[in-house]
Amino acid sequence: MVIIVVDVLEILFSPFVNGLGASIGVFLIRVFVGILFIVHGAPKIMGPFRKPMRDGMRQIGIPGVLFDLVGLLEFLGGIALIIGFLTRVAAALLAIEMLSTTILYITSAALKSLPRGFAEPMFKATKGYMFGWELDTVLLASCAALAIIGPGFFSIDNFVYQLLYR
């Protein structure tokens, strides 16, 4: 009985995770963050909202080419995170993008006067959180952590590593 209590306490308070537990945790972060990026990137590269979004970004000073590149980065980077391919590169690039958008949101660049009527539908749809930076900072932290930690065991990167170095 005492042994079980000690094991539970060790599990609860240990700052270390075994390799399998860490890889499962990293895998979950990769998959969920990847899905978020795909969901945010897909409308920027295809679908009925692409043109209005691109035009809206141009109105606040973001060039169309940059909008297109961001859409590709989010979509392809999200796929790369999910499958664990070039994870550190994809995560680092996505972290840089999220840092940029966070800075954009918390500086006067995001507060430029928008054309009348431009923001009202989005403001209503998001209940006032149109220029929220919270998600971007969580994605920034997640991507920075993935760039540092790496892809974990369940990844194409690990498979390639095993082929090259084992």
N, C-alpha and C. Protein backbone atom coordinates (compact mmCIF):
# COMPACT_ATOMS: atom_id res chain seq x y z
N MET A 1 0.82 -1.20 0.00
CA MET A 1 0.00 0.00 0.00
C MET A 1 0.86 1.26 0.00
N VAL A 2 1.89 1.28 0.80
CA VAL A 2 2.79 2.43 0.87
C VAL A 2 3.51 2.62 -0.46
N ILE A 3 3.88 1.52 -1.10
CA ILE A 3 4.59 1.59 -2.38
C ILE A 3 3.72 2.26 -3.43
N ILE A 4 2.43 1.94 -3.46
CA ILE A 4 1.51 2.53 -4.42
C ILE A 4 1.40 4.03 -4.19
N VAL A 5 1.28 4.46 -2.95
CA VAL A 5 1.19 5.88 -2.62
C VAL A 5 2.45 6.61 -3.06
N VAL A 6 3.60 6.01 -2.81
CA VAL A 6 4.87 6.63 -3.21
C VAL A 6 4.94 6.75 -4.72
N ASP A 7 4.50 5.72 -5.46
CA ASP A 7 4.53 5.78 -6.92
C ASP A 7 3.59 6.87 -7.44
N VAL A 8 2.41 6.97 -6.85
CA VAL A 8 1.47 8.01 -7.26
C VAL A 8 2.05 9.39 -6.99
N LEU A 9 2.63 9.57 -5.81
CA LEU A 9 3.24 10.86 -5.48
C LEU A 9 4.40 11.18 -6.42
N GLU A 10 5.18 10.17 -6.75
CA GLU A 10 6.29 10.39 -7.67
C GLU A 10 5.78 10.81 -9.04
N ILE A 11 4.72 10.16 -9.50
CA ILE A 11 4.14 10.52 -10.80
C ILE A 11 3.59 11.95 -10.75
N LEU A 12 2.91 12.29 -9.66
CA LEU A 12 2.30 13.61 -9.56
C LEU A 12 3.31 14.74 -9.48
N PHE A 13 4.42 14.52 -8.80
CA PHE A 13 5.35 15.61 -8.52
C PHE A 13 6.67 15.55 -9.27
N SER A 14 6.91 14.50 -10.02
CA SER A 14 8.17 14.39 -10.74
C SER A 14 8.22 15.41 -11.87
N PRO A 15 9.32 16.14 -12.01
CA PRO A 15 9.44 17.10 -13.11
C PRO A 15 9.82 16.42 -14.43
N PHE A 16 10.03 15.13 -14.41
CA PHE A 16 10.48 14.42 -15.60
C PHE A 16 9.38 13.50 -16.13
N VAL A 17 9.40 13.29 -17.44
CA VAL A 17 8.45 12.41 -18.09
C VAL A 17 9.25 11.36 -18.83
N ASN A 18 8.75 10.12 -18.84
CA ASN A 18 9.48 9.11 -19.59
C ASN A 18 9.37 9.40 -21.09
N GLY A 19 10.18 8.75 -21.88
CA GLY A 19 10.24 9.02 -23.31
C GLY A 19 8.92 8.83 -24.02
N LEU A 20 8.20 7.77 -23.69
CA LEU A 20 6.92 7.52 -24.34
C LEU A 20 5.91 8.60 -23.98
N GLY A 21 5.84 8.96 -22.71
CA GLY A 21 4.92 10.01 -22.29
C GLY A 21 5.22 11.34 -22.95
N ALA A 22 6.49 11.67 -23.04
CA ALA A 22 6.88 12.93 -23.69
C ALA A 22 6.53 12.90 -25.18
N SER A 23 6.77 11.77 -25.83
CA SER A 23 6.46 11.67 -27.26
C SER A 23 4.96 11.75 -27.52
N ILE A 24 4.17 11.16 -26.64
CA ILE A 24 2.71 11.26 -26.80
C ILE A 24 2.27 12.71 -26.61
N GLY A 25 2.82 13.38 -25.61
CA GLY A 25 2.48 14.79 -25.38
C GLY A 25 2.86 15.67 -26.56
N VAL A 26 4.07 15.48 -27.09
CA VAL A 26 4.51 16.27 -28.24
C VAL A 26 3.64 15.96 -29.46
N PHE A 27 3.29 14.69 -29.64
CA PHE A 27 2.43 14.30 -30.76
C PHE A 27 1.08 15.02 -30.67
N LEU A 28 0.48 15.04 -29.49
CA LEU A 28 -0.81 15.72 -29.32
C LEU A 28 -0.70 17.21 -29.62
N ILE A 29 0.34 17.84 -29.13
CA ILE A 29 0.54 19.26 -29.42
C ILE A 29 0.71 19.47 -30.92
N ARG A 30 1.54 18.64 -31.56
CA ARG A 30 1.75 18.77 -33.01
C ARG A 30 0.44 18.65 -33.77
N VAL A 31 -0.36 17.66 -33.44
CA VAL A 31 -1.60 17.42 -34.18
C VAL A 31 -2.59 18.56 -33.99
N PHE A 32 -2.83 18.97 -32.75
CA PHE A 32 -3.83 20.01 -32.52
C PHE A 32 -3.38 21.38 -33.04
N VAL A 33 -2.12 21.71 -32.85
CA VAL A 33 -1.61 22.98 -33.39
C VAL A 33 -1.62 22.93 -34.92
N GLY A 34 -1.25 21.79 -35.49
CA GLY A 34 -1.28 21.64 -36.94
C GLY A 34 -2.67 21.82 -37.51
N ILE A 35 -3.66 21.23 -36.85
CA ILE A 35 -5.05 21.39 -37.30
C ILE A 35 -5.46 22.86 -37.26
N LEU A 36 -5.11 23.56 -36.19
CA LEU A 36 -5.44 24.99 -36.11
C LEU A 36 -4.83 25.77 -37.26
N PHE A 37 -3.58 25.48 -37.59
CA PHE A 37 -2.94 26.20 -38.69
C PHE A 37 -3.58 25.86 -40.03
N ILE A 38 -3.95 24.62 -40.25
CA ILE A 38 -4.62 24.25 -41.50
C ILE A 38 -5.95 24.98 -41.61
N VAL A 39 -6.71 25.00 -40.52
CA VAL A 39 -8.01 25.67 -40.52
C VAL A 39 -7.85 27.17 -40.80
N HIS A 40 -6.80 27.78 -40.29
CA HIS A 40 -6.58 29.21 -40.52
C HIS A 40 -5.91 29.49 -41.86
N GLY A 41 -5.15 28.55 -42.39
CA GLY A 41 -4.46 28.77 -43.64
C GLY A 41 -5.29 28.45 -44.87
N ALA A 42 -6.16 27.45 -44.79
CA ALA A 42 -6.94 27.02 -45.95
C ALA A 42 -7.77 28.14 -46.57
N PRO A 43 -8.51 28.94 -45.79
CA PRO A 43 -9.29 30.01 -46.42
C PRO A 43 -8.43 31.08 -47.08
N LYS A 44 -7.17 31.18 -46.68
CA LYS A 44 -6.29 32.18 -47.29
C LYS A 44 -5.79 31.74 -48.66
N ILE A 45 -5.85 30.45 -48.95
CA ILE A 45 -5.33 29.98 -50.24
C ILE A 45 -6.42 29.43 -51.16
N MET A 46 -7.62 29.18 -50.63
CA MET A 46 -8.70 28.67 -51.48
C MET A 46 -10.04 28.96 -50.82
N GLY A 47 -11.07 28.95 -51.62
CA GLY A 47 -12.42 29.12 -51.10
C GLY A 47 -12.97 30.52 -51.30
N PRO A 48 -14.24 30.70 -50.95
CA PRO A 48 -14.93 31.96 -51.23
C PRO A 48 -14.45 33.15 -50.39
N PHE A 49 -13.80 32.91 -49.27
CA PHE A 49 -13.38 34.01 -48.41
C PHE A 49 -11.99 34.53 -48.73
N ARG A 50 -11.28 33.86 -49.65
CA ARG A 50 -9.91 34.24 -49.97
C ARG A 50 -9.81 35.68 -50.46
N LYS A 51 -10.60 36.03 -51.47
CA LYS A 51 -10.49 37.37 -52.05
C LYS A 51 -10.87 38.47 -51.05
N PRO A 52 -12.01 38.36 -50.34
CA PRO A 52 -12.31 39.42 -49.37
C PRO A 52 -11.26 39.54 -48.26
N MET A 53 -10.72 38.40 -47.83
CA MET A 53 -9.68 38.46 -46.79
C MET A 53 -8.43 39.13 -47.34
N ARG A 54 -8.05 38.75 -48.55
CA ARG A 54 -6.84 39.32 -49.17
C ARG A 54 -7.02 40.83 -49.37
N ASP A 55 -8.19 41.23 -49.86
CA ASP A 55 -8.46 42.65 -50.06
C ASP A 55 -8.47 43.41 -48.73
N GLY A 56 -9.04 42.80 -47.70
CA GLY A 56 -9.06 43.43 -46.38
C GLY A 56 -7.66 43.61 -45.81
N MET A 57 -6.81 42.64 -46.01
CA MET A 57 -5.44 42.76 -45.52
C MET A 57 -4.68 43.84 -46.29
N ARG A 58 -4.96 43.93 -47.58
CA ARG A 58 -4.32 44.98 -48.39
C ARG A 58 -4.74 46.36 -47.89
N GLN A 59 -5.99 46.49 -47.46
CA GLN A 59 -6.49 47.78 -46.96
C GLN A 59 -5.80 48.21 -45.68
N ILE A 60 -5.28 47.27 -44.91
CA ILE A 60 -4.57 47.67 -43.69
C ILE A 60 -3.05 47.60 -43.88
N GLY A 61 -2.63 47.51 -45.15
CA GLY A 61 -1.21 47.63 -45.45
C GLY A 61 -0.43 46.35 -45.62
N ILE A 62 -1.10 45.21 -45.64
CA ILE A 62 -0.39 43.94 -45.82
C ILE A 62 -0.47 43.56 -47.30
N PRO A 63 0.68 43.46 -47.98
CA PRO A 63 0.68 43.15 -49.41
C PRO A 63 0.04 41.79 -49.71
N GLY A 64 -0.59 41.70 -50.87
CA GLY A 64 -1.24 40.46 -51.27
C GLY A 64 -0.30 39.28 -51.32
N VAL A 65 0.92 39.50 -51.78
CA VAL A 65 1.90 38.41 -51.86
C VAL A 65 2.22 37.87 -50.47
N LEU A 66 2.35 38.76 -49.50
CA LEU A 66 2.62 38.32 -48.12
C LEU A 66 1.44 37.53 -47.58
N PHE A 67 0.24 37.98 -47.88
CA PHE A 67 -0.97 37.25 -47.47
C PHE A 67 -0.95 35.84 -48.04
N ASP A 68 -0.60 35.72 -49.33
CA ASP A 68 -0.54 34.40 -49.98
C ASP A 68 0.52 33.51 -49.33
N LEU A 69 1.69 34.08 -49.05
CA LEU A 69 2.76 33.30 -48.43
C LEU A 69 2.37 32.83 -47.03
N VAL A 70 1.70 33.69 -46.28
CA VAL A 70 1.25 33.32 -44.94
C VAL A 70 0.23 32.18 -45.03
N GLY A 71 -0.67 32.26 -45.99
CA GLY A 71 -1.65 31.19 -46.18
C GLY A 71 -0.99 29.86 -46.49
N LEU A 72 0.00 29.89 -47.38
CA LEU A 72 0.74 28.66 -47.70
C LEU A 72 1.51 28.15 -46.50
N LEU A 73 2.16 29.05 -45.77
CA LEU A 73 2.91 28.65 -44.59
C LEU A 73 1.99 27.99 -43.56
N GLU A 74 0.85 28.60 -43.31
CA GLU A 74 -0.07 28.04 -42.32
C GLU A 74 -0.60 26.69 -42.76
N PHE A 75 -1.00 26.57 -44.02
CA PHE A 75 -1.58 25.32 -44.51
C PHE A 75 -0.54 24.21 -44.58
N LEU A 76 0.56 24.47 -45.28
CA LEU A 76 1.61 23.44 -45.42
C LEU A 76 2.35 23.20 -44.10
N GLY A 77 2.56 24.27 -43.33
CA GLY A 77 3.20 24.12 -42.03
C GLY A 77 2.35 23.29 -41.08
N GLY A 78 1.03 23.47 -41.15
CA GLY A 78 0.13 22.67 -40.33
C GLY A 78 0.21 21.19 -40.69
N ILE A 79 0.26 20.90 -41.98
CA ILE A 79 0.42 19.51 -42.42
C ILE A 79 1.76 18.95 -41.93
N ALA A 80 2.82 19.75 -42.07
CA ALA A 80 4.15 19.30 -41.63
C ALA A 80 4.16 18.99 -40.14
N LEU A 81 3.49 19.82 -39.34
CA LEU A 81 3.43 19.55 -37.90
C LEU A 81 2.68 18.25 -37.61
N ILE A 82 1.56 18.05 -38.26
CA ILE A 82 0.76 16.86 -38.00
C ILE A 82 1.54 15.59 -38.31
N ILE A 83 2.20 15.55 -39.46
CA ILE A 83 2.91 14.32 -39.84
C ILE A 83 4.32 14.28 -39.25
N GLY A 84 4.77 15.38 -38.68
CA GLY A 84 6.09 15.41 -38.06
C GLY A 84 7.21 15.40 -39.07
N PHE A 85 7.06 16.18 -40.13
CA PHE A 85 8.08 16.27 -41.17
C PHE A 85 8.69 17.67 -41.17
N LEU A 86 10.01 17.74 -41.01
CA LEU A 86 10.70 19.02 -40.87
C LEU A 86 10.04 19.86 -39.77
N THR A 87 9.75 19.19 -38.68
CA THR A 87 8.98 19.79 -37.59
C THR A 87 9.63 21.04 -37.04
N ARG A 88 10.93 20.98 -36.78
CA ARG A 88 11.60 22.15 -36.19
C ARG A 88 11.56 23.34 -37.14
N VAL A 89 11.75 23.10 -38.42
CA VAL A 89 11.73 24.19 -39.41
C VAL A 89 10.32 24.78 -39.49
N ALA A 90 9.32 23.92 -39.65
CA ALA A 90 7.94 24.39 -39.75
C ALA A 90 7.54 25.14 -38.49
N ALA A 91 7.87 24.58 -37.34
CA ALA A 91 7.50 25.22 -36.07
C ALA A 91 8.19 26.57 -35.90
N ALA A 92 9.45 26.65 -36.28
CA ALA A 92 10.18 27.92 -36.16
C ALA A 92 9.58 28.98 -37.08
N LEU A 93 9.26 28.62 -38.32
CA LEU A 93 8.66 29.58 -39.25
C LEU A 93 7.28 30.03 -38.76
N LEU A 94 6.50 29.08 -38.26
CA LEU A 94 5.18 29.43 -37.75
C LEU A 94 5.29 30.28 -36.48
N ALA A 95 6.28 30.03 -35.65
CA ALA A 95 6.50 30.85 -34.46
C ALA A 95 6.85 32.29 -34.86
N ILE A 96 7.68 32.44 -35.87
CA ILE A 96 8.03 33.78 -36.36
C ILE A 96 6.78 34.49 -36.88
N GLU A 97 5.94 33.76 -37.61
CA GLU A 97 4.70 34.36 -38.10
C GLU A 97 3.81 34.79 -36.94
N MET A 98 3.67 33.93 -35.93
CA MET A 98 2.82 34.27 -34.79
C MET A 98 3.39 35.43 -33.98
N LEU A 99 4.70 35.52 -33.89
CA LEU A 99 5.31 36.67 -33.23
C LEU A 99 4.97 37.94 -34.01
N SER A 100 5.05 37.86 -35.32
CA SER A 100 4.73 39.02 -36.17
C SER A 100 3.28 39.43 -36.02
N THR A 101 2.36 38.47 -36.03
CA THR A 101 0.95 38.84 -35.91
C THR A 101 0.64 39.37 -34.51
N THR A 102 1.28 38.82 -33.50
CA THR A 102 1.07 39.32 -32.14
C THR A 102 1.54 40.77 -32.03
N ILE A 103 2.71 41.04 -32.58
CA ILE A 103 3.22 42.42 -32.57
C ILE A 103 2.28 43.33 -33.35
N LEU A 104 1.79 42.85 -34.49
CA LEU A 104 0.85 43.63 -35.29
C LEU A 104 -0.39 43.97 -34.47
N TYR A 105 -0.91 42.99 -33.76
CA TYR A 105 -2.14 43.20 -33.00
C TYR A 105 -1.97 44.15 -31.83
N ILE A 106 -0.81 44.14 -31.20
CA ILE A 106 -0.66 44.96 -29.99
C ILE A 106 0.01 46.30 -30.26
N THR A 107 0.21 46.63 -31.50
CA THR A 107 0.76 47.94 -31.85
C THR A 107 -0.28 48.74 -32.61
N SER A 108 0.05 49.93 -32.90
CA SER A 108 -0.89 50.81 -33.60
C SER A 108 -1.19 50.34 -35.01
N ALA A 109 -0.37 49.46 -35.56
CA ALA A 109 -0.64 48.96 -36.92
C ALA A 109 -2.00 48.30 -37.00
N ALA A 110 -2.41 47.62 -35.95
CA ALA A 110 -3.72 46.97 -35.94
C ALA A 110 -4.84 47.96 -35.69
N LEU A 111 -4.49 49.13 -35.21
CA LEU A 111 -5.51 50.12 -34.87
C LEU A 111 -5.70 51.17 -35.94
N LYS A 112 -5.06 50.98 -37.11
CA LYS A 112 -5.28 51.92 -38.21
C LYS A 112 -6.77 51.99 -38.50
N SER A 113 -7.17 53.14 -38.95
CA SER A 113 -8.59 53.27 -39.26
C SER A 113 -8.93 52.36 -40.44
N LEU A 114 -9.94 51.57 -40.25
CA LEU A 114 -10.39 50.66 -41.30
C LEU A 114 -11.50 51.33 -42.09
N PRO A 115 -11.67 50.92 -43.33
CA PRO A 115 -12.77 51.49 -44.12
C PRO A 115 -14.11 51.25 -43.42
N ARG A 116 -14.99 52.23 -43.53
CA ARG A 116 -16.29 52.12 -42.86
C ARG A 116 -16.98 50.82 -43.29
N GLY A 117 -17.44 50.08 -42.31
CA GLY A 117 -18.16 48.84 -42.59
C GLY A 117 -17.27 47.61 -42.70
N PHE A 118 -15.96 47.81 -42.81
CA PHE A 118 -15.05 46.67 -42.99
C PHE A 118 -15.07 45.74 -41.79
N ALA A 119 -14.99 46.30 -40.60
CA ALA A 119 -14.80 45.48 -39.41
C ALA A 119 -16.10 45.06 -38.74
N GLU A 120 -17.20 45.73 -39.04
CA GLU A 120 -18.43 45.49 -38.30
C GLU A 120 -18.90 44.04 -38.34
N PRO A 121 -18.97 43.39 -39.51
CA PRO A 121 -19.44 41.99 -39.52
C PRO A 121 -18.51 41.06 -38.74
N MET A 122 -17.20 41.26 -38.87
CA MET A 122 -16.26 40.41 -38.14
C MET A 122 -16.34 40.68 -36.65
N PHE A 123 -16.51 41.94 -36.28
CA PHE A 123 -16.60 42.30 -34.86
C PHE A 123 -17.82 41.64 -34.23
N LYS A 124 -18.94 41.68 -34.94
CA LYS A 124 -20.16 41.05 -34.42
C LYS A 124 -20.00 39.53 -34.37
N ALA A 125 -19.43 38.95 -35.41
CA ALA A 125 -19.28 37.49 -35.47
C ALA A 125 -18.38 36.96 -34.37
N THR A 126 -17.39 37.74 -33.97
CA THR A 126 -16.44 37.27 -32.94
C THR A 126 -16.77 37.85 -31.57
N LYS A 127 -17.91 38.52 -31.46
CA LYS A 127 -18.35 39.13 -30.20
C LYS A 127 -17.29 40.06 -29.61
N GLY A 128 -16.64 40.81 -30.48
CA GLY A 128 -15.70 41.82 -30.01
C GLY A 128 -14.25 41.37 -29.97
N TYR A 129 -13.97 40.14 -30.32
CA TYR A 129 -12.59 39.64 -30.23
C TYR A 129 -11.89 39.62 -31.59
N MET A 130 -12.32 40.47 -32.50
CA MET A 130 -11.77 40.45 -33.84
C MET A 130 -10.26 40.61 -33.86
N PHE A 131 -9.73 41.49 -33.04
CA PHE A 131 -8.29 41.71 -33.04
C PHE A 131 -7.62 41.05 -31.84
N GLY A 132 -8.19 39.93 -31.41
CA GLY A 132 -7.61 39.22 -30.27
C GLY A 132 -6.26 38.62 -30.61
N TRP A 133 -5.34 38.72 -29.70
CA TRP A 133 -4.00 38.20 -29.91
C TRP A 133 -3.74 36.98 -29.06
N GLU A 134 -4.74 36.56 -28.28
CA GLU A 134 -4.54 35.47 -27.34
C GLU A 134 -4.18 34.17 -28.04
N LEU A 135 -4.93 33.80 -29.07
CA LEU A 135 -4.65 32.56 -29.80
C LEU A 135 -3.27 32.61 -30.43
N ASP A 136 -2.92 33.76 -30.98
CA ASP A 136 -1.60 33.88 -31.62
C ASP A 136 -0.47 33.67 -30.63
N THR A 137 -0.63 34.17 -29.41
CA THR A 137 0.45 33.99 -28.43
C THR A 137 0.53 32.54 -27.95
N VAL A 138 -0.60 31.87 -27.85
CA VAL A 138 -0.58 30.44 -27.48
C VAL A 138 0.08 29.64 -28.61
N LEU A 139 -0.26 29.95 -29.85
CA LEU A 139 0.37 29.27 -30.98
C LEU A 139 1.86 29.59 -31.06
N LEU A 140 2.23 30.83 -30.75
CA LEU A 140 3.64 31.21 -30.71
C LEU A 140 4.39 30.35 -29.70
N ALA A 141 3.85 30.25 -28.49
CA ALA A 141 4.51 29.45 -27.45
C ALA A 141 4.57 27.98 -27.84
N SER A 142 3.50 27.47 -28.41
CA SER A 142 3.47 26.05 -28.82
C SER A 142 4.50 25.77 -29.90
N CYS A 143 4.57 26.65 -30.89
CA CYS A 143 5.52 26.44 -31.99
C CYS A 143 6.96 26.62 -31.52
N ALA A 144 7.19 27.59 -30.65
CA ALA A 144 8.54 27.77 -30.11
C ALA A 144 8.96 26.53 -29.33
N ALA A 145 8.05 25.98 -28.54
CA ALA A 145 8.36 24.76 -27.78
C ALA A 145 8.65 23.60 -28.73
N LEU A 146 7.85 23.44 -29.78
CA LEU A 146 8.10 22.36 -30.74
C LEU A 146 9.43 22.54 -31.46
N ALA A 147 9.77 23.78 -31.77
CA ALA A 147 11.06 24.03 -32.44
C ALA A 147 12.22 23.65 -31.53
N ILE A 148 12.05 23.82 -30.24
CA ILE A 148 13.11 23.50 -29.28
C ILE A 148 13.11 22.00 -28.95
N ILE A 149 11.95 21.46 -28.64
CA ILE A 149 11.85 20.06 -28.20
C ILE A 149 12.05 19.09 -29.36
N GLY A 150 11.50 19.42 -30.51
CA GLY A 150 11.58 18.52 -31.65
C GLY A 150 10.29 17.74 -31.81
N PRO A 151 10.27 16.82 -32.77
CA PRO A 151 9.03 16.17 -33.18
C PRO A 151 8.57 15.01 -32.31
N GLY A 152 9.45 14.44 -31.51
CA GLY A 152 9.10 13.26 -30.73
C GLY A 152 9.21 11.99 -31.56
N PHE A 153 8.87 10.88 -30.93
CA PHE A 153 9.05 9.56 -31.53
C PHE A 153 8.11 9.33 -32.71
N PHE A 154 6.85 9.76 -32.57
CA PHE A 154 5.83 9.49 -33.58
C PHE A 154 5.87 10.55 -34.67
N SER A 155 6.87 10.46 -35.54
CA SER A 155 7.05 11.48 -36.57
C SER A 155 7.86 10.93 -37.73
N ILE A 156 7.68 11.54 -38.88
CA ILE A 156 8.51 11.19 -40.03
C ILE A 156 9.95 11.60 -39.75
N ASP A 157 10.14 12.71 -39.07
CA ASP A 157 11.50 13.14 -38.72
C ASP A 157 12.25 12.06 -37.96
N ASN A 158 11.60 11.41 -37.01
CA ASN A 158 12.24 10.34 -36.25
C ASN A 158 12.57 9.16 -37.16
N PHE A 159 11.66 8.83 -38.06
CA PHE A 159 11.91 7.74 -39.00
C PHE A 159 13.14 8.04 -39.86
N VAL A 160 13.21 9.26 -40.39
CA VAL A 160 14.37 9.66 -41.20
C VAL A 160 15.64 9.63 -40.36
N TYR A 161 15.55 10.12 -39.13
CA TYR A 161 16.71 10.11 -38.23
C TYR A 161 17.20 8.67 -38.01
N GLN A 162 16.28 7.77 -37.77
CA GLN A 162 16.65 6.37 -37.55
C GLN A 162 17.33 5.78 -38.78
N LEU A 163 16.85 6.12 -39.97
CA LEU A 163 17.47 5.63 -41.20
C LEU A 163 18.88 6.19 -41.40
N LEU A 164 19.05 7.47 -41.08
CA LEU A 164 20.33 8.12 -41.34
C LEU A 164 21.39 7.86 -40.28
N TYR A 165 20.98 7.75 -39.03
CA TYR A 165 21.96 7.73 -37.95
C TYR A 165 21.95 6.48 -37.08
N ARG A 166 21.21 5.48 -37.42
CA ARG A 166 21.21 4.24 -36.61
C ARG A 166 21.69 3.07 -37.42
